[in-house]
C-alpha atoms as a PDB file:
ATOM      1  CA  MET A   1     133.362  94.461 102.604  1.00  0.00           C
ATOM      2  CA  ASN A   2     135.014  94.391 105.832  1.00  0.00           C
ATOM      3  CA  GLY A   3     138.186  92.320 104.165  1.00  0.00           C
ATOM      4  CA  ILE A   4     138.232  95.451 101.086  1.00  0.00           C
ATOM      5  CA  ARG A   5     138.737  97.653 103.845  1.00  0.00           C
ATOM      6  CA  ASN A   6     141.467  96.074 105.698  1.00  0.00           C
ATOM      7  CA  ARG A   7     143.359  95.991 102.245  1.00  0.00           C
ATOM      8  CA  LEU A   8     142.955  99.331 102.440  1.00  0.00           C
ATOM      9  CA  ILE A   9     144.225 100.274 105.322  1.00  0.00           C
ATOM     10  CA  PHE A  10     148.083  99.486 105.399  1.00  0.00           C
ATOM     11  CA  PRO A  11     148.009 101.778 101.864  1.00  0.00           C
ATOM     12  CA  ALA A  12     146.204 104.552 103.648  1.00  0.00           C
ATOM     13  CA  LEU A  13     149.074 104.730 106.326  1.00  0.00           C
ATOM     14  CA  ILE A  14     151.755 104.737 103.729  1.00  0.00           C
ATOM     15  CA  PHE A  15     150.742 107.723 102.260  1.00  0.00           C
ATOM     16  CA  CYS A  16     149.719 109.360 105.171  1.00  0.00           C
ATOM     17  CA  GLY A  17     153.237 108.778 106.086  1.00  0.00           C
ATOM     18  CA  ILE A  18     154.884 110.077 102.987  1.00  0.00           C
ATOM     19  CA  GLY A  19     152.974 112.941 103.701  1.00  0.00           C
ATOM     20  CA  PHE A  20     153.834 113.412 107.046  1.00  0.00           C
ATOM     21  CA  VAL A  21     157.591 112.870 106.320  1.00  0.00           C
ATOM     22  CA  ALA A  22     156.809 115.560 103.563  1.00  0.00           C
ATOM     23  CA  LEU A  23     155.395 118.272 105.591  1.00  0.00           C
ATOM     24  CA  ALA A  24     157.882 118.058 108.414  1.00  0.00           C
ATOM     25  CA  ARG A  25     161.231 118.251 106.401  1.00  0.00           C
ATOM     26  CA  GLY A  26     159.490 121.137 105.097  1.00  0.00           C
ATOM     27  CA  THR A  27     158.093 122.562 108.520  1.00  0.00           C
ATOM     28  CA  VAL A  28     160.199 122.012 111.316  1.00  0.00           C
ATOM     29  CA  ASN A  29     163.405 122.688 112.274  1.00  0.00           C
ATOM     30  CA  GLU A  30     166.842 119.953 112.861  1.00  0.00           C
ATOM     31  CA  TYR A  31     166.143 119.450 116.497  1.00  0.00           C
ATOM     32  CA  ILE A  32     163.018 118.421 115.646  1.00  0.00           C
ATOM     33  CA  LEU A  33     163.357 116.516 112.812  1.00  0.00           C
ATOM     34  CA  SER A  34     166.525 115.092 114.889  1.00  0.00           C
ATOM     35  CA  ILE A  35     164.041 113.610 117.229  1.00  0.00           C
ATOM     36  CA  ILE A  36     161.296 112.537 115.070  1.00  0.00           C
ATOM     37  CA  ASN A  37     164.307 110.161 113.714  1.00  0.00           C
ATOM     38  CA  PHE A  38     165.027 109.269 116.692  1.00  0.00           C
ATOM     39  CA  VAL A  39     161.447 108.138 117.638  1.00  0.00           C
ATOM     40  CA  GLY A  40     161.369 106.436 114.288  1.00  0.00           C
ATOM     41  CA  ILE A  41     164.442 104.283 114.985  1.00  0.00           C
ATOM     42  CA  TYR A  42     163.282 103.109 118.087  1.00  0.00           C
ATOM     43  CA  VAL A  43     159.999 102.440 116.744  1.00  0.00           C
ATOM     44  CA  ILE A  44     161.942  99.921 114.712  1.00  0.00           C
ATOM     45  CA  LEU A  45     163.948  98.396 117.515  1.00  0.00           C
ATOM     46  CA  ALA A  46     160.371  98.323 120.006  1.00  0.00           C
ATOM     47  CA  VAL A  47     158.679  96.118 116.777  1.00  0.00           C
ATOM     48  CA  SER A  48     161.864  93.969 115.473  1.00  0.00           C
ATOM     49  CA  LEU A  49     161.762  93.133 119.820  1.00  0.00           C
ATOM     50  CA  ASN A  50     158.443  92.578 119.660  1.00  0.00           C
ATOM     51  CA  ILE A  51     159.132  89.403 116.941  1.00  0.00           C
ATOM     52  CA  THR A  52     161.455  88.170 119.211  1.00  0.00           C
ATOM     53  CA  ASN A  53     159.957  88.872 122.582  1.00  0.00           C
ATOM     54  CA  GLY A  54     156.343  88.924 122.024  1.00  0.00           C
ATOM     55  CA  PHE A  55     155.543  86.440 119.297  1.00  0.00           C
ATOM     56  CA  SER A  56     157.845  83.610 120.350  1.00  0.00           C
ATOM     57  CA  GLY A  57     158.240  84.379 123.878  1.00  0.00           C
ATOM     58  CA  LEU A  58     161.544  84.412 124.627  1.00  0.00           C
ATOM     59  CA  PHE A  59     163.715  87.343 127.032  1.00  0.00           C
ATOM     60  CA  SER A  60     166.308  88.506 125.205  1.00  0.00           C
ATOM     61  CA  LEU A  61     168.281  91.457 126.257  1.00  0.00           C
ATOM     62  CA  GLY A  62     170.946  91.386 123.734  1.00  0.00           C
ATOM     63  CA  HIS A  63     169.172  93.790 121.086  1.00  0.00           C
ATOM     64  CA  PRO A  64     171.497  96.376 121.532  1.00  0.00           C
ATOM     65  CA  GLY A  65     174.190  94.093 120.829  1.00  0.00           C
ATOM     66  CA  PHE A  66     172.889  93.317 117.729  1.00  0.00           C
ATOM     67  CA  MET A  67     172.465  96.918 116.852  1.00  0.00           C
ATOM     68  CA  ALA A  68     176.041  97.236 117.787  1.00  0.00           C
ATOM     69  CA  ILE A  69     177.817  95.058 115.262  1.00  0.00           C
ATOM     70  CA  GLY A  70     174.887  96.361 112.459  1.00  0.00           C
ATOM     71  CA  GLY A  71     176.016  99.899 113.568  1.00  0.00           C
ATOM     72  CA  TYR A  72     179.802  99.133 112.829  1.00  0.00           C
ATOM     73  CA  VAL A  73     179.553  97.223 109.831  1.00  0.00           C
ATOM     74  CA  THR A  74     177.619  99.848 108.418  1.00  0.00           C
ATOM     75  CA  ALA A  75     179.365 102.606 109.557  1.00  0.00           C
ATOM     76  CA  ILE A  76     182.407 100.307 108.050  1.00  0.00           C
ATOM     77  CA  LEU A  77     181.403 100.262 104.985  1.00  0.00           C
ATOM     78  CA  THR A  78     180.389 103.639 104.185  1.00  0.00           C
ATOM     79  CA  PHE A  79     183.262 105.464 105.714  1.00  0.00           C
ATOM     80  CA  PRO A  80     185.486 106.606 103.227  1.00  0.00           C
ATOM     81  CA  VAL A  81     188.139 105.036 101.375  1.00  0.00           C
ATOM     82  CA  ALA A  82     190.715 108.127 102.517  1.00  0.00           C
ATOM     83  CA  ARG A  83     189.866 108.662 106.225  1.00  0.00           C
ATOM     84  CA  LYS A  84     189.936 104.178 106.624  1.00  0.00           C
ATOM     85  CA  SER A  85     193.573 104.214 105.522  1.00  0.00           C
ATOM     86  CA  MET A  86     194.813 107.068 107.902  1.00  0.00           C
ATOM     87  CA  PHE A  87     192.357 105.306 110.944  1.00  0.00           C
ATOM     88  CA  LEU A  88     191.731 102.082 109.974  1.00  0.00           C
ATOM     89  CA  GLU A  89     193.633  98.814 110.000  1.00  0.00           C
ATOM     90  CA  LEU A  90     191.496  96.615 107.478  1.00  0.00           C
ATOM     91  CA  PRO A  91     192.092  94.110 104.642  1.00  0.00           C
ATOM     92  CA  GLN A  92     193.051  95.889 101.475  1.00  0.00           C
ATOM     93  CA  TRP A  93     189.698  94.904  99.472  1.00  0.00           C
ATOM     94  CA  LEU A  94     187.813  96.540 102.962  1.00  0.00           C
ATOM     95  CA  ALA A  95     190.004  99.462 103.174  1.00  0.00           C
ATOM     96  CA  ASN A  96     189.260 100.050  99.163  1.00  0.00           C
ATOM     97  CA  LEU A  97     185.674  99.827  99.470  1.00  0.00           C
ATOM     98  CA  GLN A  98     183.014 102.065 100.267  1.00  0.00           C
ATOM     99  CA  LEU A  99     179.558 101.295  99.722  1.00  0.00           C
ATOM    100  CA  PRO A 100     176.104 103.329  99.401  1.00  0.00           C
ATOM    101  CA  PHE A 101     174.441 103.653 102.226  1.00  0.00           C
ATOM    102  CA  PHE A 102     171.111 100.857 101.542  1.00  0.00           C
ATOM    103  CA  PRO A 103     173.242  98.188 100.534  1.00  0.00           C
ATOM    104  CA  ALA A 104     175.460  98.995 103.304  1.00  0.00           C
ATOM    105  CA  LEU A 105     172.395  99.352 106.067  1.00  0.00           C
ATOM    106  CA  ILE A 106     171.226  95.041 104.150  1.00  0.00           C
ATOM    107  CA  ILE A 107     174.707  94.286 104.769  1.00  0.00           C
ATOM    108  CA  GLY A 108     174.822  95.422 108.269  1.00  0.00           C
ATOM    109  CA  GLY A 109     171.622  93.849 109.076  1.00  0.00           C
ATOM    110  CA  VAL A 110     172.927  89.997 107.712  1.00  0.00           C
ATOM    111  CA  CYS A 111     176.023  90.391 109.703  1.00  0.00           C
ATOM    112  CA  ALA A 112     173.372  90.898 113.075  1.00  0.00           C
ATOM    113  CA  GLY A 113     171.384  88.407 112.506  1.00  0.00           C
ATOM    114  CA  LEU A 114     174.046  85.469 111.154  1.00  0.00           C
ATOM    115  CA  THR A 115     175.641  86.485 114.968  1.00  0.00           C
ATOM    116  CA  ALA A 116     172.129  85.944 115.738  1.00  0.00           C
ATOM    117  CA  LEU A 117     171.849  82.680 114.509  1.00  0.00           C
ATOM    118  CA  LEU A 118     175.245  81.518 116.127  1.00  0.00           C
ATOM    119  CA  VAL A 119     173.987  83.007 119.220  1.00  0.00           C
ATOM    120  CA  GLY A 120     170.347  81.473 119.051  1.00  0.00           C
ATOM    121  CA  LEU A 121     172.150  77.708 118.858  1.00  0.00           C
ATOM    122  CA  ALA A 122     173.895  78.555 121.922  1.00  0.00           C
ATOM    123  CA  VAL A 123     171.664  79.649 123.935  1.00  0.00           C
ATOM    124  CA  LEU A 124     168.303  78.962 122.934  1.00  0.00           C
ATOM    125  CA  ARG A 125     167.976  76.224 124.965  1.00  0.00           C
ATOM    126  CA  LEU A 126     167.881  78.317 128.270  1.00  0.00           C
ATOM    127  CA  ARG A 127     164.155  80.341 128.512  1.00  0.00           C
ATOM    128  CA  GLY A 128     163.496  82.911 130.972  1.00  0.00           C
ATOM    129  CA  HIS A 129     165.761  84.829 133.384  1.00  0.00           C
ATOM    130  CA  TYR A 130     168.388  82.518 132.825  1.00  0.00           C
ATOM    131  CA  LEU A 131     167.907  83.762 128.623  1.00  0.00           C
ATOM    132  CA  ALA A 132     167.962  86.442 129.889  1.00  0.00           C
ATOM    133  CA  VAL A 133     171.098  86.514 131.600  1.00  0.00           C
ATOM    134  CA  ALA A 134     172.740  84.666 128.527  1.00  0.00           C
ATOM    135  CA  THR A 135     171.965  87.911 126.268  1.00  0.00           C
ATOM    136  CA  ILE A 136     173.148  90.271 128.389  1.00  0.00           C
ATOM    137  CA  GLY A 137     176.354  88.418 128.492  1.00  0.00           C
ATOM    138  CA  PHE A 138     175.998  88.000 125.099  1.00  0.00           C
ATOM    139  CA  LEU A 139     175.960  92.484 124.556  1.00  0.00           C
ATOM    140  CA  ILE A 140     178.535  92.377 127.406  1.00  0.00           C
ATOM    141  CA  ILE A 141     181.025  90.280 125.190  1.00  0.00           C
ATOM    142  CA  VAL A 142     180.297  92.611 121.835  1.00  0.00           C
ATOM    143  CA  GLN A 143     180.958  95.465 123.592  1.00  0.00           C
ATOM    144  CA  VAL A 144     184.336  94.478 124.997  1.00  0.00           C
ATOM    145  CA  LEU A 145     185.369  92.799 121.565  1.00  0.00           C
ATOM    146  CA  ILE A 146     185.035  96.186 120.236  1.00  0.00           C
ATOM    147  CA  ILE A 147     187.105  98.028 122.740  1.00  0.00           C
ATOM    148  CA  ASN A 148     189.583  95.401 122.177  1.00  0.00           C
ATOM    149  CA  TRP A 149     189.462  95.251 118.309  1.00  0.00           C
ATOM    150  CA  GLU A 150     190.950  98.786 117.926  1.00  0.00           C
ATOM    151  CA  SER A 151     192.686  98.128 114.642  1.00  0.00           C
ATOM    152  CA  VAL A 152     189.292  97.877 113.236  1.00  0.00           C
ATOM    153  CA  THR A 153     186.727  99.792 115.616  1.00  0.00           C
ATOM    154  CA  ARG A 154     189.435 102.312 117.315  1.00  0.00           C
ATOM    155  CA  GLY A 155     188.156 100.651 120.452  1.00  0.00           C
ATOM    156  CA  PRO A 156     186.610 102.947 123.329  1.00  0.00           C
ATOM    157  CA  LEU A 157     187.191 106.175 120.671  1.00  0.00           C
ATOM    158  CA  GLY A 158     184.676 104.552 118.356  1.00  0.00           C
ATOM    159  CA  LEU A 159     183.957 105.500 114.586  1.00  0.00           C
ATOM    160  CA  ASN A 160     183.493 109.897 114.234  1.00  0.00           C
ATOM    161  CA  GLY A 161     182.922 111.852 111.302  1.00  0.00           C
ATOM    162  CA  LEU A 162     180.665 109.408 109.613  1.00  0.00           C
ATOM    163  CA  PRO A 163     178.266 110.565 106.519  1.00  0.00           C
ATOM    164  CA  ALA A 164     175.170 112.176 107.243  1.00  0.00           C
ATOM    165  CA  LEU A 165     173.361 109.805 106.139  1.00  0.00           C
ATOM    166  CA  THR A 166     170.272 108.963 107.565  1.00  0.00           C
ATOM    167  CA  ASN A 167     167.344 111.261 107.143  1.00  0.00           C
ATOM    168  CA  MET A 168     163.462 110.605 107.532  1.00  0.00           C
ATOM    169  CA  TRP A 169     162.907 109.258 103.697  1.00  0.00           C
ATOM    170  CA  TRP A 170     165.346 106.395 105.416  1.00  0.00           C
ATOM    171  CA  VAL A 171     164.204 105.939 108.720  1.00  0.00           C
ATOM    172  CA  TYR A 172     159.994 106.238 107.286  1.00  0.00           C
ATOM    173  CA  LEU A 173     161.065 103.609 104.530  1.00  0.00           C
ATOM    174  CA  TRP A 174     162.625 101.181 107.194  1.00  0.00           C
ATOM    175  CA  VAL A 175     159.699 101.904 109.858  1.00  0.00           C
ATOM    176  CA  VAL A 176     157.369 100.590 107.175  1.00  0.00           C
ATOM    177  CA  VAL A 177     159.484  97.389 105.987  1.00  0.00           C
ATOM    178  CA  THR A 178     159.520  96.648 109.731  1.00  0.00           C
ATOM    179  CA  VAL A 179     155.990  96.970 110.675  1.00  0.00           C
ATOM    180  CA  TYR A 180     154.637  95.122 107.464  1.00  0.00           C
ATOM    181  CA  VAL A 181     157.391  92.002 107.179  1.00  0.00           C
ATOM    182  CA  SER A 182     156.121  92.019 111.341  1.00  0.00           C
ATOM    183  CA  TRP A 183     152.315  92.045 110.688  1.00  0.00           C
ATOM    184  CA  LYS A 184     153.083  89.726 107.761  1.00  0.00           C
ATOM    185  CA  ILE A 185     154.596  87.120 110.001  1.00  0.00           C
ATOM    186  CA  LYS A 186     151.877  87.308 112.857  1.00  0.00           C
ATOM    187  CA  PHE A 187     149.179  86.705 111.172  1.00  0.00           C
ATOM    188  CA  SER A 188     150.575  83.663 109.231  1.00  0.00           C
ATOM    189  CA  SER A 189     150.702  80.397 109.865  1.00  0.00           C
ATOM    190  CA  TYR A 190     154.060  81.048 110.466  1.00  0.00           C
ATOM    191  CA  GLY A 191     153.364  83.503 113.221  1.00  0.00           C
ATOM    192  CA  ARG A 192     150.565  81.160 114.609  1.00  0.00           C
ATOM    193  CA  ARG A 193     153.698  78.758 115.479  1.00  0.00           C
ATOM    194  CA  MET A 194     155.664  81.679 117.126  1.00  0.00           C
ATOM    195  CA  LEU A 195     152.283  82.392 119.255  1.00  0.00           C
ATOM    196  CA  SER A 196     151.566  79.035 120.223  1.00  0.00           C
ATOM    197  CA  VAL A 197     155.629  78.559 121.373  1.00  0.00           C
ATOM    198  CA  ARG A 198     154.560  81.402 123.542  1.00  0.00           C
ATOM    199  CA  GLU A 199     151.551  80.343 125.144  1.00  0.00           C
ATOM    200  CA  ASP A 200     152.379  76.358 125.356  1.00  0.00           C
ATOM    201  CA  ASP A 201     155.698  75.041 124.149  1.00  0.00           C
ATOM    202  CA  MET A 202     154.663  71.768 125.028  1.00  0.00           C
ATOM    203  CA  ALA A 203     151.482  71.620 123.401  1.00  0.00           C
ATOM    204  CA  ALA A 204     153.383  73.501 120.189  1.00  0.00           C
ATOM    205  CA  GLN A 205     155.886  70.625 120.206  1.00  0.00           C
ATOM    206  CA  CYS A 206     153.309  67.975 120.327  1.00  0.00           C
ATOM    207  CA  LEU A 207     151.266  69.154 117.347  1.00  0.00           C
ATOM    208  CA  GLY A 208     154.302  69.441 115.622  1.00  0.00           C
ATOM    209  CA  VAL A 209     155.800  72.141 115.983  1.00  0.00           C
ATOM    210  CA  ASN A 210     159.816  72.626 115.876  1.00  0.00           C
ATOM    211  CA  LEU A 211     160.320  74.725 119.334  1.00  0.00           C
ATOM    212  CA  PHE A 212     164.044  75.180 118.878  1.00  0.00           C
ATOM    213  CA  GLN A 213     163.896  76.158 114.689  1.00  0.00           C
ATOM    214  CA  THR A 214     160.650  78.494 115.919  1.00  0.00           C
ATOM    215  CA  ARG A 215     162.632  80.447 118.103  1.00  0.00           C
ATOM    216  CA  VAL A 216     166.132  80.628 116.232  1.00  0.00           C
ATOM    217  CA  ALA A 217     164.269  82.620 113.199  1.00  0.00           C
ATOM    218  CA  ALA A 218     162.568  84.802 115.875  1.00  0.00           C
ATOM    219  CA  LEU A 219     165.827  85.577 117.158  1.00  0.00           C
ATOM    220  CA  VAL A 220     167.523  85.876 113.998  1.00  0.00           C
ATOM    221  CA  ILE A 221     164.117  88.407 112.158  1.00  0.00           C
ATOM    222  CA  GLY A 222     164.797  90.570 115.086  1.00  0.00           C
ATOM    223  CA  ALA A 223     168.195  91.169 114.735  1.00  0.00           C
ATOM    224  CA  CYS A 224     168.173  91.595 111.331  1.00  0.00           C
ATOM    225  CA  PHE A 225     166.462  94.804 111.923  1.00  0.00           C
ATOM    226  CA  ALA A 226     168.447  95.348 115.099  1.00  0.00           C
ATOM    227  CA  GLY A 227     171.271  95.839 112.896  1.00  0.00           C
ATOM    228  CA  VAL A 228     169.594  98.306 110.443  1.00  0.00           C
ATOM    229  CA  ALA A 229     168.762 100.165 113.125  1.00  0.00           C
ATOM    230  CA  GLY A 230     172.367 100.107 114.410  1.00  0.00           C
ATOM    231  CA  GLY A 231     173.009 101.581 111.238  1.00  0.00           C
ATOM    232  CA  LEU A 232     170.636 104.458 110.621  1.00  0.00           C
ATOM    233  CA  TRP A 233     171.425 105.515 114.243  1.00  0.00           C
ATOM    234  CA  ALA A 234     175.473 105.403 114.094  1.00  0.00           C
ATOM    235  CA  HIS A 235     174.688 107.724 110.769  1.00  0.00           C
ATOM    236  CA  LEU A 236     172.466 109.848 112.336  1.00  0.00           C
ATOM    237  CA  VAL A 237     174.698 110.741 115.259  1.00  0.00           C
ATOM    238  CA  THR A 238     177.576 110.337 112.842  1.00  0.00           C
ATOM    239  CA  ALA A 239     179.232 109.082 115.131  1.00  0.00           C
ATOM    240  CA  ILE A 240     179.241 105.176 116.746  1.00  0.00           C
ATOM    241  CA  THR A 241     181.098 104.037 119.996  1.00  0.00           C
ATOM    242  CA  PRO A 242     180.862 100.710 121.910  1.00  0.00           C
ATOM    243  CA  MET A 243     179.065 102.426 124.829  1.00  0.00           C
ATOM    244  CA  SER A 244     176.481 103.449 122.721  1.00  0.00           C
ATOM    245  CA  PHE A 245     174.490 100.447 122.791  1.00  0.00           C
ATOM    246  CA  SER A 246     174.412  99.330 126.530  1.00  0.00           C
ATOM    247  CA  VAL A 247     171.787  97.613 129.082  1.00  0.00           C
ATOM    248  CA  ILE A 248     170.158 100.699 129.677  1.00  0.00           C
ATOM    249  CA  MET A 249     169.009 100.557 125.944  1.00  0.00           C
ATOM    250  CA  ALA A 250     167.787  96.999 125.733  1.00  0.00           C
ATOM    251  CA  PHE A 251     165.971  97.772 129.139  1.00  0.00           C
ATOM    252  CA  ASN A 252     164.698 100.714 127.245  1.00  0.00           C
ATOM    253  CA  ILE A 253     163.434  98.946 124.555  1.00  0.00           C
ATOM    254  CA  VAL A 254     162.592  95.800 126.383  1.00  0.00           C
ATOM    255  CA  VAL A 255     160.102  98.517 128.303  1.00  0.00           C
ATOM    256  CA  MET A 256     158.855  99.364 125.158  1.00  0.00           C
ATOM    257  CA  VAL A 257     157.454  95.948 124.489  1.00  0.00           C
ATOM    258  CA  VAL A 258     156.095  95.261 128.025  1.00  0.00           C
ATOM    259  CA  VAL A 259     154.304  98.616 128.112  1.00  0.00           C
ATOM    260  CA  GLY A 260     153.141  97.654 124.986  1.00  0.00           C
ATOM    261  CA  GLY A 261     151.813  94.423 124.794  1.00  0.00           C
ATOM    262  CA  SER A 262     154.083  91.495 124.250  1.00  0.00           C
ATOM    263  CA  GLY A 263     152.810  90.177 120.859  1.00  0.00           C
ATOM    264  CA  SER A 264     150.820  93.832 119.399  1.00  0.00           C
ATOM    265  CA  ILE A 265     152.832  95.691 116.622  1.00  0.00           C
ATOM    266  CA  THR A 266     150.405  98.490 117.190  1.00  0.00           C
ATOM    267  CA  GLY A 267     151.310  98.898 121.033  1.00  0.00           C
ATOM    268  CA  SER A 268     155.039  97.967 120.280  1.00  0.00           C
ATOM    269  CA  PHE A 269     154.633 101.051 117.992  1.00  0.00           C
ATOM    270  CA  ILE A 270     152.788 103.531 120.261  1.00  0.00           C
ATOM    271  CA  ALA A 271     154.634 102.531 123.346  1.00  0.00           C
ATOM    272  CA  ALA A 272     158.236 103.308 121.581  1.00  0.00           C
ATOM    273  CA  ILE A 273     156.807 106.974 120.521  1.00  0.00           C
ATOM    274  CA  ILE A 274     155.407 107.589 123.902  1.00  0.00           C
ATOM    275  CA  PHE A 275     158.355 106.571 125.851  1.00  0.00           C
ATOM    276  CA  SER A 276     160.848 107.801 123.209  1.00  0.00           C
ATOM    277  CA  VAL A 277     159.044 111.260 123.004  1.00  0.00           C
ATOM    278  CA  LEU A 278     159.762 111.505 126.795  1.00  0.00           C
ATOM    279  CA  THR A 279     163.416 110.685 127.090  1.00  0.00           C
ATOM    280  CA  GLU A 280     164.070 113.746 124.644  1.00  0.00           C
ATOM    281  CA  ILE A 281     161.779 115.838 126.506  1.00  0.00           C
ATOM    282  CA  PHE A 282     163.410 115.050 129.881  1.00  0.00           C
ATOM    283  CA  SER A 283     167.114 115.258 128.666  1.00  0.00           C
ATOM    284  CA  PRO A 284     167.131 119.420 128.216  1.00  0.00           C
ATOM    285  CA  LEU A 285     165.419 119.010 131.664  1.00  0.00           C
ATOM    286  CA  GLU A 286     168.004 116.562 133.253  1.00  0.00           C
ATOM    287  CA  GLU A 287     170.753 118.881 131.726  1.00  0.00           C
ATOM    288  CA  ALA A 288     169.569 121.657 132.976  1.00  0.00           C
ATOM    289  CA  PHE A 289     169.577 120.876 136.947  1.00  0.00           C
ATOM    290  CA  ASN A 290     172.148 118.684 136.420  1.00  0.00           C
ATOM    291  CA  VAL A 291     169.690 115.755 137.395  1.00  0.00           C
ATOM    292  CA  TYR A 292     170.912 112.504 135.109  1.00  0.00           C
ATOM    293  CA  GLY A 293     168.514 109.703 135.472  1.00  0.00           C
ATOM    294  CA  ILE A 294     164.997 111.472 135.272  1.00  0.00           C
ATOM    295  CA  GLY A 295     163.966 109.304 132.048  1.00  0.00           C
ATOM    296  CA  GLU A 296     164.691 106.352 133.054  1.00  0.00           C
ATOM    297  CA  ILE A 297     163.442 106.574 136.748  1.00  0.00           C
ATOM    298  CA  LEU A 298     159.959 107.386 135.131  1.00  0.00           C
ATOM    299  CA  MET A 299     159.926 104.542 132.186  1.00  0.00           C
ATOM    300  CA  ALA A 300     160.560 101.947 135.270  1.00  0.00           C
ATOM    301  CA  LEU A 301     157.872 103.676 137.136  1.00  0.00           C
ATOM    302  CA  ILE A 302     155.628 103.317 134.002  1.00  0.00           C
ATOM    303  CA  LEU A 303     156.560  99.893 134.008  1.00  0.00           C
ATOM    304  CA  ILE A 304     156.098  98.883 137.569  1.00  0.00           C
ATOM    305  CA  LEU A 305     152.302 100.511 137.287  1.00  0.00           C
ATOM    306  CA  ILE A 306     151.753  98.459 134.106  1.00  0.00           C
ATOM    307  CA  LEU A 307     152.861  95.226 135.729  1.00  0.00           C
ATOM    308  CA  ILE A 308     150.534  95.830 138.635  1.00  0.00           C
ATOM    309  CA  TYR A 309     147.490  97.197 137.068  1.00  0.00           C
ATOM    310  CA  ARG A 310     147.721  95.791 133.468  1.00  0.00           C
ATOM    311  CA  PRO A 311     150.629  93.332 133.437  1.00  0.00           C
ATOM    312  CA  GLN A 312     149.113  91.885 129.574  1.00  0.00           C
ATOM    313  CA  GLY A 313     150.030  95.620 128.709  1.00  0.00           C
ATOM    314  CA  LEU A 314     148.128  98.117 126.367  1.00  0.00           C
ATOM    315  CA  PHE A 315     146.645  95.981 124.249  1.00  0.00           C
ATOM    316  CA  GLY A 316     147.437  92.459 125.351  1.00  0.00           C
ATOM    317  CA  SER A 317     149.023  90.339 121.965  1.00  0.00           C
ATOM    318  CA  ARG A 318     146.190  92.343 120.084  1.00  0.00           C
ATOM    319  CA  GLU A 319     145.930  94.706 116.943  1.00  0.00           C
ATOM    320  CA  PRO A 320     143.322  97.396 117.550  1.00  0.00           C
ATOM    321  CA  GLY A 321     142.288  97.538 113.530  1.00  0.00           C
ATOM    322  CA  VAL A 322     141.998  93.776 113.498  1.00  0.00           C
ATOM    323  CA  LEU A 323     140.019  93.335 116.428  1.00  0.00           C
ATOM    324  CA  LEU A 324     137.335  95.768 115.283  1.00  0.00           C
ATOM    325  CA  ALA A 325     136.946  94.469 112.144  1.00  0.00           C
ATOM    326  CA  ARG A 326     136.254  91.141 113.682  1.00  0.00           C
ATOM    327  CA  ASN A 327     133.250  92.699 115.773  1.00  0.00           C
ATOM    328  CA  ASN A 328     131.455  94.002 112.846  1.00  0.00           C
ATOM    329  CA  GLN A 329     131.589  90.644 111.261  1.00  0.00           C
END
């Protein structure tokens, strides 16, 4: 009975999500819809970073860098051909190319994943704070390249007037795909290899686990979804600039993973919703009182309290549904 129930939970959640999206699109205004879309994008970012940081124990702060790569690639591929010739100096084949949104998102995610593969080959011999510094360096390098590659990215001005292609259906689709892939990875033999590397890399290596290959795979998978999230982000705000993806964003996503519980998909999902909603709530207050950074300060305080009183996060590495099923057996 438990096995049948567990197989039905995911389809039931999908149908509930479809109902929620349909209801929201028909009842709430555009501002609330945009907030919901941002929440969904942060869910994608937090759950995908959980694959990298939570499952395999890496400490990567380069997620916004992969997001920027995916966002720019998607934006260039969907940019109207007439405007490309006006603003950008691209190869002829690319200047005359305009793709639909879905293949552009896929290509953006793949480009982010390939970049992560190159970065991983270079830096994943490092661990802990050394890796964190290296991935911050990667993020800064991406920003500098985007700023200086003006013929393709328009430099600090960024790409404006992008088609408003992102809506709740697109965001919901990629939230489902991200959670589903993360869940399948976690409860597979490959996911157990990732978790073993996180818990004790020496014991995992003694059992035949290839540490380097496992870490690179975790980084690449997380980066692919970050690239897709970057494309969704760019076509939601209809603009993309190099400073859209900063170290502060990296900090915010890491906080979501740590507070939710490193290795817990449910925890990352819930923490992403809570923190992104809090950020949107405090934004009008910051503008009204001309005091900025309240949201970041609140997130930092919550992180400090979590690290002091519950260092494993809200859920640890567990998933509530799986835990319940085991207790009932």
